[in-house]
Amino acid sequence: GAILVVSQFTLYADCGKGNRPSFTDAAPPGLAQELYQEFANRLRA
């Protein structure tokens, strides 16, 4: 089979307070992009 990897920072949404999710536990974009690409590249390898 094949794999489609889609980045989704909203998986780190904290909806515990109020009605607007907080994303403070998500990695900053630079780190997130680096690790997203590394994950995909490891699967390719």
PDB file of all heavy atoms in Angstrom:
ATOM      1  N   GLY A   1       0.812  -1.215   0.000  1.00  0.00           N
ATOM      2  CA  GLY A   1       0.000   0.000   0.000  1.00  0.00           C
ATOM      3  C   GLY A   1       0.844   1.263   0.000  1.00  0.00           C
ATOM      4  O   GLY A   1       2.067   1.222   0.144  1.00  0.00           O
ATOM      5  N   ALA A   2       0.186   2.385  -0.166  1.00  0.00           N
ATOM      6  CA  ALA A   2       0.828   3.697  -0.159  1.00  0.00           C
ATOM      7  C   ALA A   2       0.349   4.479   1.062  1.00  0.00           C
ATOM      8  O   ALA A   2      -0.591   4.067   1.747  1.00  0.00           O
ATOM      9  CB  ALA A   2       0.485   4.452  -1.437  1.00  0.00           C
ATOM     10  N   ILE A   3       0.996   5.608   1.303  1.00  0.00           N
ATOM     11  CA  ILE A   3       0.635   6.448   2.450  1.00  0.00           C
ATOM     12  C   ILE A   3       0.520   7.905   2.009  1.00  0.00           C
ATOM     13  O   ILE A   3       1.379   8.408   1.277  1.00  0.00           O
ATOM     14  CB  ILE A   3       1.678   6.322   3.584  1.00  0.00           C
ATOM     15  CG1 ILE A   3       1.708   4.889   4.111  1.00  0.00           C
ATOM     16  CG2 ILE A   3       1.377   7.311   4.699  1.00  0.00           C
ATOM     17  CD1 ILE A   3       2.717   4.649   5.215  1.00  0.00           C
ATOM     18  N   LEU A   4      -0.547   8.559   2.455  1.00  0.00           N
ATOM     19  CA  LEU A   4      -0.723   9.999   2.277  1.00  0.00           C
ATOM     20  C   LEU A   4      -0.610  10.626   3.656  1.00  0.00           C
ATOM     21  O   LEU A   4      -1.387  10.289   4.551  1.00  0.00           O
ATOM     22  CB  LEU A   4      -2.078  10.321   1.649  1.00  0.00           C
ATOM     23  CG  LEU A   4      -2.441  11.804   1.518  1.00  0.00           C
ATOM     24  CD1 LEU A   4      -1.461  12.527   0.588  1.00  0.00           C
ATOM     25  CD2 LEU A   4      -3.873  11.966   1.015  1.00  0.00           C
ATOM     26  N   VAL A   5       0.368  11.514   3.842  1.00  0.00           N
ATOM     27  CA  VAL A   5       0.583  12.181   5.123  1.00  0.00           C
ATOM     28  C   VAL A   5       0.165  13.645   4.982  1.00  0.00           C
ATOM     29  O   VAL A   5       0.658  14.351   4.104  1.00  0.00           O
ATOM     30  CB  VAL A   5       2.061  12.107   5.578  1.00  0.00           C
ATOM     31  CG1 VAL A   5       2.230  12.746   6.957  1.00  0.00           C
ATOM     32  CG2 VAL A   5       2.563  10.672   5.585  1.00  0.00           C
ATOM     33  N   VAL A   6      -0.740  14.078   5.874  1.00  0.00           N
ATOM     34  CA  VAL A   6      -1.270  15.435   5.840  1.00  0.00           C
ATOM     35  C   VAL A   6      -1.012  16.090   7.198  1.00  0.00           C
ATOM     36  O   VAL A   6      -1.405  15.547   8.232  1.00  0.00           O
ATOM     37  CB  VAL A   6      -2.792  15.428   5.536  1.00  0.00           C
ATOM     38  CG1 VAL A   6      -3.354  16.832   5.517  1.00  0.00           C
ATOM     39  CG2 VAL A   6      -3.066  14.699   4.232  1.00  0.00           C
ATOM     40  N   SER A   7      -0.346  17.245   7.197  1.00  0.00           N
ATOM     41  CA  SER A   7      -0.088  17.936   8.463  1.00  0.00           C
ATOM     42  C   SER A   7      -1.399  18.469   9.034  1.00  0.00           C
ATOM     43  O   SER A   7      -2.256  18.958   8.303  1.00  0.00           O
ATOM     44  CB  SER A   7       0.908  19.085   8.257  1.00  0.00           C
ATOM     45  OG  SER A   7       0.377  20.065   7.413  1.00  0.00           O
ATOM     46  N   GLN A   8      -1.535  18.356  10.366  1.00  0.00           N
ATOM     47  CA  GLN A   8      -2.792  18.747  11.002  1.00  0.00           C
ATOM     48  C   GLN A   8      -2.519  19.203  12.437  1.00  0.00           C
ATOM     49  O   GLN A   8      -2.670  18.442  13.378  1.00  0.00           O
ATOM     50  CB  GLN A   8      -3.765  17.571  10.994  1.00  0.00           C
ATOM     51  CG  GLN A   8      -5.080  17.866  11.640  1.00  0.00           C
ATOM     52  CD  GLN A   8      -6.213  17.846  10.656  1.00  0.00           C
ATOM     53  OE1 GLN A   8      -6.146  17.193   9.641  1.00  0.00           O
ATOM     54  NE2 GLN A   8      -7.262  18.559  10.978  1.00  0.00           N
ATOM     55  N   PHE A   9      -2.116  20.463  12.592  1.00  0.00           N
ATOM     56  CA  PHE A   9      -1.806  20.976  13.923  1.00  0.00           C
ATOM     57  C   PHE A   9      -3.019  20.972  14.837  1.00  0.00           C
ATOM     58  O   PHE A   9      -2.898  20.952  16.054  1.00  0.00           O
ATOM     59  CB  PHE A   9      -1.175  22.376  13.844  1.00  0.00           C
ATOM     60  CG  PHE A   9      -2.156  23.489  13.659  1.00  0.00           C
ATOM     61  CD1 PHE A   9      -2.609  24.204  14.764  1.00  0.00           C
ATOM     62  CD2 PHE A   9      -2.629  23.833  12.398  1.00  0.00           C
ATOM     63  CE1 PHE A   9      -3.519  25.243  14.601  1.00  0.00           C
ATOM     64  CE2 PHE A   9      -3.529  24.863  12.229  1.00  0.00           C
ATOM     65  CZ  PHE A   9      -3.975  25.572  13.331  1.00  0.00           C
ATOM     66  N   THR A  10      -4.223  20.958  14.261  1.00  0.00           N
ATOM     67  CA  THR A  10      -5.429  21.006  15.084  1.00  0.00           C
ATOM     68  C   THR A  10      -5.615  19.745  15.924  1.00  0.00           C
ATOM     69  O   THR A  10      -6.458  19.726  16.821  1.00  0.00           O
ATOM     70  CB  THR A  10      -6.693  21.258  14.234  1.00  0.00           C
ATOM     71  OG1 THR A  10      -6.834  20.212  13.273  1.00  0.00           O
ATOM     72  CG2 THR A  10      -6.622  22.605  13.532  1.00  0.00           C
ATOM     73  N   LEU A  11      -4.823  18.716  15.687  1.00  0.00           N
ATOM     74  CA  LEU A  11      -4.864  17.535  16.556  1.00  0.00           C
ATOM     75  C   LEU A  11      -4.388  17.882  17.966  1.00  0.00           C
ATOM     76  O   LEU A  11      -4.618  17.133  18.902  1.00  0.00           O
ATOM     77  CB  LEU A  11      -4.028  16.395  15.975  1.00  0.00           C
ATOM     78  CG  LEU A  11      -4.586  15.752  14.715  1.00  0.00           C
ATOM     79  CD1 LEU A  11      -3.613  14.729  14.160  1.00  0.00           C
ATOM     80  CD2 LEU A  11      -5.936  15.113  14.985  1.00  0.00           C
ATOM     81  N   TYR A  12      -3.714  19.011  18.106  1.00  0.00           N
ATOM     82  CA  TYR A  12      -3.261  19.466  19.422  1.00  0.00           C
ATOM     83  C   TYR A  12      -4.196  20.512  20.036  1.00  0.00           C
ATOM     84  O   TYR A  12      -3.817  21.239  20.955  1.00  0.00           O
ATOM     85  CB  TYR A  12      -1.818  19.988  19.350  1.00  0.00           C
ATOM     86  CG  TYR A  12      -0.848  18.847  19.464  1.00  0.00           C
ATOM     87  CD1 TYR A  12      -0.384  18.187  18.345  1.00  0.00           C
ATOM     88  CD2 TYR A  12      -0.447  18.389  20.714  1.00  0.00           C
ATOM     89  CE1 TYR A  12       0.473  17.117  18.452  1.00  0.00           C
ATOM     90  CE2 TYR A  12       0.408  17.311  20.831  1.00  0.00           C
ATOM     91  CZ  TYR A  12       0.866  16.679  19.700  1.00  0.00           C
ATOM     92  OH  TYR A  12       1.712  15.608  19.816  1.00  0.00           O
ATOM     93  N   ALA A  13      -5.411  20.593  19.557  1.00  0.00           N
ATOM     94  CA  ALA A  13      -6.381  21.548  20.102  1.00  0.00           C
ATOM     95  C   ALA A  13      -6.748  21.179  21.535  1.00  0.00           C
ATOM     96  O   ALA A  13      -6.979  20.026  21.852  1.00  0.00           O
ATOM     97  CB  ALA A  13      -7.635  21.569  19.243  1.00  0.00           C
ATOM     98  N   ASP A  14      -6.769  22.185  22.394  1.00  0.00           N
ATOM     99  CA  ASP A  14      -7.259  22.024  23.770  1.00  0.00           C
ATOM    100  C   ASP A  14      -8.588  22.776  23.834  1.00  0.00           C
ATOM    101  O   ASP A  14      -8.628  23.999  23.710  1.00  0.00           O
ATOM    102  CB  ASP A  14      -6.255  22.605  24.755  1.00  0.00           C
ATOM    103  CG  ASP A  14      -6.721  22.523  26.204  1.00  0.00           C
ATOM    104  OD1 ASP A  14      -7.867  22.069  26.460  1.00  0.00           O
ATOM    105  OD2 ASP A  14      -5.948  22.919  27.085  1.00  0.00           O
ATOM    106  N   CYS A  15      -9.654  22.022  24.021  1.00  0.00           N
ATOM    107  CA  CYS A  15     -10.996  22.612  24.051  1.00  0.00           C
ATOM    108  C   CYS A  15     -11.563  22.627  25.469  1.00  0.00           C
ATOM    109  O   CYS A  15     -12.769  22.714  25.662  1.00  0.00           O
ATOM    110  CB  CYS A  15     -11.924  21.827  23.115  1.00  0.00           C
ATOM    111  SG  CYS A  15     -11.386  21.839  21.411  1.00  0.00           S
ATOM    112  N   GLY A  16     -10.676  22.541  26.460  1.00  0.00           N
ATOM    113  CA  GLY A  16     -11.104  22.444  27.851  1.00  0.00           C
ATOM    114  C   GLY A  16     -11.722  23.709  28.425  1.00  0.00           C
ATOM    115  O   GLY A  16     -12.569  23.644  29.303  1.00  0.00           O
ATOM    116  N   LYS A  17     -11.312  24.866  27.946  1.00  0.00           N
ATOM    117  CA  LYS A  17     -11.830  26.129  28.474  1.00  0.00           C
ATOM    118  C   LYS A  17     -12.491  26.906  27.353  1.00  0.00           C
ATOM    119  O   LYS A  17     -11.910  27.084  26.291  1.00  0.00           O
ATOM    120  CB  LYS A  17     -10.695  26.968  29.053  1.00  0.00           C
ATOM    121  CG  LYS A  17     -10.069  26.372  30.286  1.00  0.00           C
ATOM    122  CD  LYS A  17      -9.001  27.286  30.834  1.00  0.00           C
ATOM    123  CE  LYS A  17      -8.355  26.679  32.054  1.00  0.00           C
ATOM    124  NZ  LYS A  17      -7.289  27.509  32.579  1.00  0.00           N
ATOM    125  N   GLY A  18     -13.671  27.357  27.591  1.00  0.00           N
ATOM    126  CA  GLY A  18     -14.369  28.181  26.609  1.00  0.00           C
ATOM    127  C   GLY A  18     -14.749  27.404  25.364  1.00  0.00           C
ATOM    128  O   GLY A  18     -14.749  26.179  25.346  1.00  0.00           O
ATOM    129  N   ASN A  19     -15.050  28.152  24.310  1.00  0.00           N
ATOM    130  CA  ASN A  19     -15.503  27.550  23.068  1.00  0.00           C
ATOM    131  C   ASN A  19     -14.502  27.672  21.926  1.00  0.00           C
ATOM    132  O   ASN A  19     -14.740  27.158  20.844  1.00  0.00           O
ATOM    133  CB  ASN A  19     -16.831  28.177  22.638  1.00  0.00           C
ATOM    134  CG  ASN A  19     -17.925  27.836  23.617  1.00  0.00           C
ATOM    135  OD1 ASN A  19     -18.024  26.705  24.057  1.00  0.00           O
ATOM    136  ND2 ASN A  19     -18.728  28.819  23.977  1.00  0.00           N
ATOM    137  N   ARG A  20     -13.406  28.372  22.154  1.00  0.00           N
ATOM    138  CA  ARG A  20     -12.384  28.521  21.126  1.00  0.00           C
ATOM    139  C   ARG A  20     -11.193  27.657  21.499  1.00  0.00           C
ATOM    140  O   ARG A  20     -10.621  27.803  22.574  1.00  0.00           O
ATOM    141  CB  ARG A  20     -11.960  29.980  21.014  1.00  0.00           C
ATOM    142  CG  ARG A  20     -10.958  30.198  19.914  1.00  0.00           C
ATOM    143  CD  ARG A  20     -10.749  31.680  19.652  1.00  0.00           C
ATOM    144  NE  ARG A  20      -9.858  31.816  18.521  1.00  0.00           N
ATOM    145  CZ  ARG A  20      -8.799  32.598  18.528  1.00  0.00           C
ATOM    146  NH1 ARG A  20      -8.522  33.344  19.575  1.00  0.00           N
ATOM    147  NH2 ARG A  20      -8.039  32.665  17.465  1.00  0.00           N
ATOM    148  N   PRO A  21     -10.788  26.749  20.614  1.00  0.00           N
ATOM    149  CA  PRO A  21      -9.658  25.871  20.937  1.00  0.00           C
ATOM    150  C   PRO A  21      -8.355  26.649  21.101  1.00  0.00           C
ATOM    151  O   PRO A  21      -8.131  27.654  20.429  1.00  0.00           O
ATOM    152  CB  PRO A  21      -9.559  24.931  19.731  1.00  0.00           C
ATOM    153  CG  PRO A  21     -10.729  25.195  18.878  1.00  0.00           C
ATOM    154  CD  PRO A  21     -11.346  26.478  19.302  1.00  0.00           C
ATOM    155  N   SER A  22      -7.518  26.143  21.971  1.00  0.00           N
ATOM    156  CA  SER A  22      -6.174  26.669  22.155  1.00  0.00           C
ATOM    157  C   SER A  22      -5.200  25.677  21.530  1.00  0.00           C
ATOM    158  O   SER A  22      -5.385  24.465  21.618  1.00  0.00           O
ATOM    159  CB  SER A  22      -5.875  26.811  23.650  1.00  0.00           C
ATOM    160  OG  SER A  22      -4.505  27.048  23.846  1.00  0.00           O
ATOM    161  N   PHE A  23      -4.151  26.171  20.908  1.00  0.00           N
ATOM    162  CA  PHE A  23      -3.178  25.313  20.249  1.00  0.00           C
ATOM    163  C   PHE A  23      -1.788  25.478  20.848  1.00  0.00           C
ATOM    164  O   PHE A  23      -0.779  25.277  20.180  1.00  0.00           O
ATOM    165  CB  PHE A  23      -3.155  25.609  18.740  1.00  0.00           C
ATOM    166  CG  PHE A  23      -4.488  25.392  18.097  1.00  0.00           C
ATOM    167  CD1 PHE A  23      -5.310  26.468  17.788  1.00  0.00           C
ATOM    168  CD2 PHE A  23      -4.945  24.115  17.829  1.00  0.00           C
ATOM    169  CE1 PHE A  23      -6.551  26.271  17.204  1.00  0.00           C
ATOM    170  CE2 PHE A  23      -6.186  23.903  17.249  1.00  0.00           C
ATOM    171  CZ  PHE A  23      -6.985  24.977  16.935  1.00  0.00           C
ATOM    172  N   THR A  24      -1.723  25.817  22.133  1.00  0.00           N
ATOM    173  CA  THR A  24      -0.441  26.082  22.777  1.00  0.00           C
ATOM    174  C   THR A  24       0.455  24.847  22.868  1.00  0.00           C
ATOM    175  O   THR A  24       1.670  24.989  23.019  1.00  0.00           O
ATOM    176  CB  THR A  24      -0.639  26.673  24.193  1.00  0.00           C
ATOM    177  OG1 THR A  24      -1.421  25.761  24.965  1.00  0.00           O
ATOM    178  CG2 THR A  24      -1.331  28.027  24.130  1.00  0.00           C
ATOM    179  N   ASP A  25      -0.105  23.645  22.766  1.00  0.00           N
ATOM    180  CA  ASP A  25       0.713  22.435  22.839  1.00  0.00           C
ATOM    181  C   ASP A  25       1.263  22.000  21.480  1.00  0.00           C
ATOM    182  O   ASP A  25       2.080  21.090  21.400  1.00  0.00           O
ATOM    183  CB  ASP A  25      -0.084  21.278  23.456  1.00  0.00           C
ATOM    184  CG  ASP A  25      -0.356  21.489  24.934  1.00  0.00           C
ATOM    185  OD1 ASP A  25       0.401  22.253  25.576  1.00  0.00           O
ATOM    186  OD2 ASP A  25      -1.317  20.904  25.448  1.00  0.00           O
ATOM    187  N   ALA A  26       0.811  22.657  20.410  1.00  0.00           N
ATOM    188  CA  ALA A  26       1.337  22.346  19.080  1.00  0.00           C
ATOM    189  C   ALA A  26       2.739  22.921  18.940  1.00  0.00           C
ATOM    190  O   ALA A  26       3.061  23.968  19.509  1.00  0.00           O
ATOM    191  CB  ALA A  26       0.419  22.922  18.005  1.00  0.00           C
ATOM    192  N   ALA A  27       3.573  22.233  18.188  1.00  0.00           N
ATOM    193  CA  ALA A  27       4.941  22.708  17.947  1.00  0.00           C
ATOM    194  C   ALA A  27       4.906  23.972  17.093  1.00  0.00           C
ATOM    195  O   ALA A  27       3.984  24.160  16.287  1.00  0.00           O
ATOM    196  CB  ALA A  27       5.743  21.624  17.235  1.00  0.00           C
ATOM    197  N   PRO A  28       5.912  24.836  17.240  1.00  0.00           N
ATOM    198  CA  PRO A  28       5.982  26.001  16.360  1.00  0.00           C
ATOM    199  C   PRO A  28       6.165  25.540  14.906  1.00  0.00           C
ATOM    200  O   PRO A  28       6.705  24.449  14.660  1.00  0.00           O
ATOM    201  CB  PRO A  28       7.197  26.782  16.865  1.00  0.00           C
ATOM    202  CG  PRO A  28       7.926  25.880  17.783  1.00  0.00           C
ATOM    203  CD  PRO A  28       7.000  24.794  18.209  1.00  0.00           C
ATOM    204  N   PRO A  29       5.727  26.346  13.944  1.00  0.00           N
ATOM    205  CA  PRO A  29       5.733  25.917  12.546  1.00  0.00           C
ATOM    206  C   PRO A  29       7.064  25.374  12.025  1.00  0.00           C
ATOM    207  O   PRO A  29       7.077  24.380  11.302  1.00  0.00           O
ATOM    208  CB  PRO A  29       5.314  27.182  11.784  1.00  0.00           C
ATOM    209  CG  PRO A  29       4.502  27.953  12.766  1.00  0.00           C
ATOM    210  CD  PRO A  29       5.130  27.672  14.107  1.00  0.00           C
ATOM    211  N   GLY A  30       8.171  25.989  12.354  1.00  0.00           N
ATOM    212  CA  GLY A  30       9.469  25.523  11.854  1.00  0.00           C
ATOM    213  C   GLY A  30       9.776  24.102  12.283  1.00  0.00           C
ATOM    214  O   GLY A  30      10.156  23.248  11.464  1.00  0.00           O
ATOM    215  N   LEU A  31       9.605  23.820  13.567  1.00  0.00           N
ATOM    216  CA  LEU A  31       9.848  22.475  14.092  1.00  0.00           C
ATOM    217  C   LEU A  31       8.826  21.492  13.542  1.00  0.00           C
ATOM    218  O   LEU A  31       9.168  20.376  13.142  1.00  0.00           O
ATOM    219  CB  LEU A  31       9.791  22.480  15.622  1.00  0.00           C
ATOM    220  CG  LEU A  31       9.904  21.111  16.300  1.00  0.00           C
ATOM    221  CD1 LEU A  31      11.253  20.461  16.003  1.00  0.00           C
ATOM    222  CD2 LEU A  31       9.683  21.248  17.802  1.00  0.00           C
ATOM    223  N   ALA A  32       7.571  21.918  13.488  1.00  0.00           N
ATOM    224  CA  ALA A  32       6.511  21.033  12.991  1.00  0.00           C
ATOM    225  C   ALA A  32       6.780  20.623  11.548  1.00  0.00           C
ATOM    226  O   ALA A  32       6.669  19.444  11.200  1.00  0.00           O
ATOM    227  CB  ALA A  32       5.158  21.726  13.115  1.00  0.00           C
ATOM    228  N   GLN A  33       7.166  21.558  10.705  1.00  0.00           N
ATOM    229  CA  GLN A  33       7.431  21.235   9.304  1.00  0.00           C
ATOM    230  C   GLN A  33       8.623  20.287   9.181  1.00  0.00           C
ATOM    231  O   GLN A  33       8.587  19.324   8.413  1.00  0.00           O
ATOM    232  CB  GLN A  33       7.680  22.495   8.489  1.00  0.00           C
ATOM    233  CG  GLN A  33       7.884  22.196   7.011  1.00  0.00           C
ATOM    234  CD  GLN A  33       7.947  23.448   6.161  1.00  0.00           C
ATOM    235  OE1 GLN A  33       8.150  24.553   6.665  1.00  0.00           O
ATOM    236  NE2 GLN A  33       7.762  23.283   4.868  1.00  0.00           N
ATOM    237  N   GLU A  34       9.663  20.539   9.942  1.00  0.00           N
ATOM    238  CA  GLU A  34      10.854  19.684   9.910  1.00  0.00           C
ATOM    239  C   GLU A  34      10.506  18.245  10.298  1.00  0.00           C
ATOM    240  O   GLU A  34      10.910  17.289   9.618  1.00  0.00           O
ATOM    241  CB  GLU A  34      11.902  20.257  10.872  1.00  0.00           C
ATOM    242  CG  GLU A  34      13.165  19.452  10.979  1.00  0.00           C
ATOM    243  CD  GLU A  34      14.113  20.036  12.019  1.00  0.00           C
ATOM    244  OE1 GLU A  34      14.218  21.286  12.114  1.00  0.00           O
ATOM    245  OE2 GLU A  34      14.732  19.245  12.751  1.00  0.00           O
ATOM    246  N   LEU A  35       9.745  18.071  11.374  1.00  0.00           N
ATOM    247  CA  LEU A  35       9.412  16.724  11.842  1.00  0.00           C
ATOM    248  C   LEU A  35       8.359  16.052  10.950  1.00  0.00           C
ATOM    249  O   LEU A  35       8.388  14.830  10.777  1.00  0.00           O
ATOM    250  CB  LEU A  35       8.969  16.763  13.301  1.00  0.00           C
ATOM    251  CG  LEU A  35      10.083  17.159  14.278  1.00  0.00           C
ATOM    252  CD1 LEU A  35       9.547  17.253  15.697  1.00  0.00           C
ATOM    253  CD2 LEU A  35      11.254  16.192  14.195  1.00  0.00           C
ATOM    254  N   TYR A  36       7.466  16.827  10.381  1.00  0.00           N
ATOM    255  CA  TYR A  36       6.487  16.310   9.415  1.00  0.00           C
ATOM    256  C   TYR A  36       7.229  15.717   8.215  1.00  0.00           C
ATOM    257  O   TYR A  36       6.961  14.600   7.782  1.00  0.00           O
ATOM    258  CB  TYR A  36       5.559  17.456   9.017  1.00  0.00           C
ATOM    259  CG  TYR A  36       4.728  17.267   7.780  1.00  0.00           C
ATOM    260  CD1 TYR A  36       3.652  16.392   7.751  1.00  0.00           C
ATOM    261  CD2 TYR A  36       4.991  18.008   6.628  1.00  0.00           C
ATOM    262  CE1 TYR A  36       2.865  16.251   6.612  1.00  0.00           C
ATOM    263  CE2 TYR A  36       4.213  17.878   5.491  1.00  0.00           C
ATOM    264  CZ  TYR A  36       3.159  16.993   5.487  1.00  0.00           C
ATOM    265  OH  TYR A  36       2.381  16.860   4.359  1.00  0.00           O
ATOM    266  N   GLN A  37       8.193  16.465   7.698  1.00  0.00           N
ATOM    267  CA  GLN A  37       8.967  15.989   6.556  1.00  0.00           C
ATOM    268  C   GLN A  37       9.831  14.787   6.937  1.00  0.00           C
ATOM    269  O   GLN A  37       9.955  13.837   6.158  1.00  0.00           O
ATOM    270  CB  GLN A  37       9.830  17.116   5.995  1.00  0.00           C
ATOM    271  CG  GLN A  37       9.011  18.177   5.301  1.00  0.00           C
ATOM    272  CD  GLN A  37       9.819  19.385   4.881  1.00  0.00           C
ATOM    273  OE1 GLN A  37      10.896  19.661   5.403  1.00  0.00           O
ATOM    274  NE2 GLN A  37       9.279  20.134   3.935  1.00  0.00           N
ATOM    275  N   GLU A  38      10.405  14.817   8.121  1.00  0.00           N
ATOM    276  CA  GLU A  38      11.219  13.691   8.560  1.00  0.00           C
ATOM    277  C   GLU A  38      10.378  12.422   8.684  1.00  0.00           C
ATOM    278  O   GLU A  38      10.809  11.342   8.279  1.00  0.00           O
ATOM    279  CB  GLU A  38      11.905  13.988   9.895  1.00  0.00           C
ATOM    280  CG  GLU A  38      12.777  12.835  10.337  1.00  0.00           C
ATOM    281  CD  GLU A  38      13.616  13.118  11.557  1.00  0.00           C
ATOM    282  OE1 GLU A  38      13.756  14.290  11.961  1.00  0.00           O
ATOM    283  OE2 GLU A  38      14.152  12.140  12.112  1.00  0.00           O
ATOM    284  N   PHE A  39       9.184  12.542   9.240  1.00  0.00           N
ATOM    285  CA  PHE A  39       8.286  11.398   9.363  1.00  0.00           C
ATOM    286  C   PHE A  39       7.997  10.802   7.979  1.00  0.00           C
ATOM    287  O   PHE A  39       8.130   9.598   7.764  1.00  0.00           O
ATOM    288  CB  PHE A  39       6.991  11.842  10.054  1.00  0.00           C
ATOM    289  CG  PHE A  39       5.924  10.798  10.121  1.00  0.00           C
ATOM    290  CD1 PHE A  39       5.990   9.766  11.048  1.00  0.00           C
ATOM    291  CD2 PHE A  39       4.841  10.841   9.258  1.00  0.00           C
ATOM    292  CE1 PHE A  39       4.993   8.791  11.117  1.00  0.00           C
ATOM    293  CE2 PHE A  39       3.839   9.881   9.316  1.00  0.00           C
ATOM    294  CZ  PHE A  39       3.923   8.856  10.246  1.00  0.00           C
ATOM    295  N   ALA A  40       7.625  11.647   7.018  1.00  0.00           N
ATOM    296  CA  ALA A  40       7.333  11.179   5.657  1.00  0.00           C
ATOM    297  C   ALA A  40       8.574  10.560   5.022  1.00  0.00           C
ATOM    298  O   ALA A  40       8.491   9.510   4.374  1.00  0.00           O
ATOM    299  CB  ALA A  40       6.803  12.333   4.813  1.00  0.00           C
ATOM    300  N   ASN A  41       9.723  11.173   5.204  1.00  0.00           N
ATOM    301  CA  ASN A  41      10.959  10.651   4.616  1.00  0.00           C
ATOM    302  C   ASN A  41      11.367   9.314   5.214  1.00  0.00           C
ATOM    303  O   ASN A  41      11.906   8.450   4.515  1.00  0.00           O
ATOM    304  CB  ASN A  41      12.090  11.671   4.751  1.00  0.00           C
ATOM    305  CG  ASN A  41      11.907  12.847   3.809  1.00  0.00           C
ATOM    306  OD1 ASN A  41      11.232  12.739   2.778  1.00  0.00           O
ATOM    307  ND2 ASN A  41      12.480  13.977   4.165  1.00  0.00           N
ATOM    308  N   ARG A  42      11.125   9.122   6.485  1.00  0.00           N
ATOM    309  CA  ARG A  42      11.437   7.827   7.107  1.00  0.00           C
ATOM    310  C   ARG A  42      10.550   6.720   6.536  1.00  0.00           C
ATOM    311  O   ARG A  42      11.002   5.605   6.341  1.00  0.00           O
ATOM    312  CB  ARG A  42      11.318   7.903   8.624  1.00  0.00           C
ATOM    313  CG  ARG A  42      12.477   8.663   9.255  1.00  0.00           C
ATOM    314  CD  ARG A  42      12.419   8.638  10.762  1.00  0.00           C
ATOM    315  NE  ARG A  42      13.566   9.298  11.333  1.00  0.00           N
ATOM    316  CZ  ARG A  42      14.715   8.711  11.616  1.00  0.00           C
ATOM    317  NH1 ARG A  42      14.880   7.428  11.367  1.00  0.00           N
ATOM    318  NH2 ARG A  42      15.703   9.385  12.156  1.00  0.00           N
ATOM    319  N   LEU A  43       9.297   7.045   6.277  1.00  0.00           N
ATOM    320  CA  LEU A  43       8.414   6.069   5.642  1.00  0.00           C
ATOM    321  C   LEU A  43       8.895   5.762   4.222  1.00  0.00           C
ATOM    322  O   LEU A  43       8.929   4.608   3.804  1.00  0.00           O
ATOM    323  CB  LEU A  43       6.971   6.579   5.627  1.00  0.00           C
ATOM    324  CG  LEU A  43       6.291   6.667   7.004  1.00  0.00           C
ATOM    325  CD1 LEU A  43       4.968   7.407   6.890  1.00  0.00           C
ATOM    326  CD2 LEU A  43       6.098   5.289   7.600  1.00  0.00           C
ATOM    327  N   ARG A  44       9.303   6.796   3.488  1.00  0.00           N
ATOM    328  CA  ARG A  44       9.831   6.598   2.126  1.00  0.00           C
ATOM    329  C   ARG A  44      11.089   5.729   2.145  1.00  0.00           C
ATOM    330  O   ARG A  44      11.264   4.870   1.284  1.00  0.00           O
ATOM    331  CB  ARG A  44      10.179   7.949   1.493  1.00  0.00           C
ATOM    332  CG  ARG A  44       9.016   8.714   0.982  1.00  0.00           C
ATOM    333  CD  ARG A  44       9.467   9.979   0.226  1.00  0.00           C
ATOM    334  NE  ARG A  44       8.313  10.799  -0.033  1.00  0.00           N
ATOM    335  CZ  ARG A  44       8.014  11.919   0.617  1.00  0.00           C
ATOM    336  NH1 ARG A  44       8.805  12.388   1.567  1.00  0.00           N
ATOM    337  NH2 ARG A  44       6.923  12.595   0.317  1.00  0.00           N
ATOM    338  N   ALA A  45      11.943   5.977   3.125  1.00  0.00           N
ATOM    339  CA  ALA A  45      13.204   5.232   3.222  1.00  0.00           C
ATOM    340  C   ALA A  45      12.977   3.745   3.451  1.00  0.00           C
ATOM    341  O   ALA A  45      13.855   2.926   3.163  1.00  0.00           O
ATOM    342  CB  ALA A  45      14.076   5.814   4.334  1.00  0.00           C
TER     343      ALA A  45
END
